[in-house]
């Protein structure tokens, strides 16, 4: 069974998420790791886990936050679907 995940990709400054720009995606995947793989393919970056839910791009000042989708987040923000499925 696949779950719906949300991903936020943003820039970093001094190692912290900066949110100068942000891209939000919904991803349909079997696991959080599967969602990161889909995101990596789409962004053209390799991500390495920093801590629970945060992944840093290798060789770039970019990070991604991936978590299971929350109904509030789906209503509050506009997300682009990477899996071809319509979110909400």
Protein backbone atom coordinates (compact mmCIF):
# COMPACT_ATOMS: atom_id res chain seq x y z
CA UNK A 1 0.00 0.00 0.00
CA UNK A 2 1.34 3.40 -0.94
CA UNK A 3 1.20 6.42 1.34
CA UNK A 4 1.04 10.09 0.48
CA UNK A 5 4.08 12.14 1.52
CA UNK A 6 4.76 15.87 1.38
CA UNK A 7 8.18 17.24 0.55
CA UNK A 8 9.48 20.78 0.91
CA UNK A 9 12.73 21.63 -0.86
CA UNK A 10 14.43 24.87 0.16
CA UNK A 11 17.80 26.60 0.38
CA UNK A 12 20.02 26.69 3.44
CA UNK A 13 22.05 29.46 5.03
CA UNK A 14 24.58 28.64 7.72
CA UNK A 15 23.26 25.08 7.78
CA UNK A 16 19.70 26.10 8.67
CA UNK A 17 16.71 26.04 6.34
CA UNK A 18 16.38 29.54 4.89
CA UNK A 19 13.08 29.43 2.94
CA UNK A 20 14.26 32.17 0.57
CA UNK A 21 12.61 29.95 -2.01
CA UNK A 22 10.62 26.76 -1.48
CA UNK A 23 9.14 24.05 -3.69
CA UNK A 24 6.39 21.81 -2.29
CA UNK A 25 5.54 18.39 -3.67
CA UNK A 26 3.22 15.49 -2.89
CA UNK A 27 4.65 12.06 -3.54
CA UNK A 28 2.90 8.71 -3.53
CA UNK A 29 5.38 6.08 -2.26
CA UNK A 30 5.61 2.98 -0.10
CA UNK A 31 8.06 4.55 2.38
CA UNK A 32 9.84 7.77 3.24
CA UNK A 33 12.95 6.43 1.51
CA UNK A 34 10.90 5.78 -1.62
CA UNK A 35 9.61 9.35 -1.50
CA UNK A 36 13.20 10.65 -1.26
CA UNK A 37 14.17 8.56 -4.29
CA UNK A 38 11.33 10.04 -6.35
CA UNK A 39 12.28 13.55 -5.17
CA UNK A 40 15.97 12.99 -5.96
CA UNK A 41 15.15 11.85 -9.48
CA UNK A 42 12.92 14.88 -10.06
CA UNK A 43 15.33 17.45 -8.59
CA UNK A 44 18.48 15.88 -10.06
CA UNK A 45 20.14 15.90 -6.63
CA UNK A 46 21.34 13.25 -4.21
CA UNK A 47 20.02 13.65 -0.68
CA UNK A 48 21.62 12.35 2.52
CA UNK A 49 19.66 12.02 5.76
CA UNK A 50 20.57 14.65 8.36
CA UNK A 51 17.98 13.84 11.02
CA UNK A 52 14.43 12.52 11.13
CA UNK A 53 12.58 14.08 8.20
CA UNK A 54 15.40 16.36 6.98
CA UNK A 55 17.64 15.45 4.08
CA UNK A 56 20.57 17.54 2.81
CA UNK A 57 21.55 17.67 -0.85
CA UNK A 58 25.12 16.55 -1.47
CA UNK A 59 27.27 19.38 -2.85
CA UNK A 60 24.57 22.05 -2.65
CA UNK A 61 23.07 24.38 -0.05
CA UNK A 62 19.67 22.74 -0.35
CA UNK A 63 17.66 20.63 2.06
CA UNK A 64 14.38 18.73 1.89
CA UNK A 65 11.82 17.93 4.56
CA UNK A 66 9.78 14.80 3.89
CA UNK A 67 6.89 13.61 6.05
CA UNK A 68 3.58 11.82 5.73
CA UNK A 69 0.89 14.09 4.33
CA UNK A 70 -1.28 16.00 6.75
CA UNK A 71 -4.73 17.22 5.67
CA UNK A 72 -3.99 20.72 7.02
CA UNK A 73 -0.81 21.03 4.93
CA UNK A 74 -2.60 19.91 1.78
CA UNK A 75 -5.25 22.58 2.29
CA UNK A 76 -2.88 25.37 3.36
CA UNK A 77 -0.28 25.13 0.58
CA UNK A 78 -0.18 24.42 -3.14
CA UNK A 79 1.67 21.19 -3.84
CA UNK A 80 2.85 19.74 -7.15
CA UNK A 81 2.29 16.00 -7.55
CA UNK A 82 5.38 14.02 -8.56
CA UNK A 83 3.73 10.62 -8.74
CA UNK A 84 1.05 11.42 -11.28
CA UNK A 85 -1.65 11.14 -8.61
CA UNK A 86 -3.93 14.00 -7.66
CA UNK A 87 -3.44 15.05 -4.05
CA UNK A 88 -6.66 15.82 -2.15
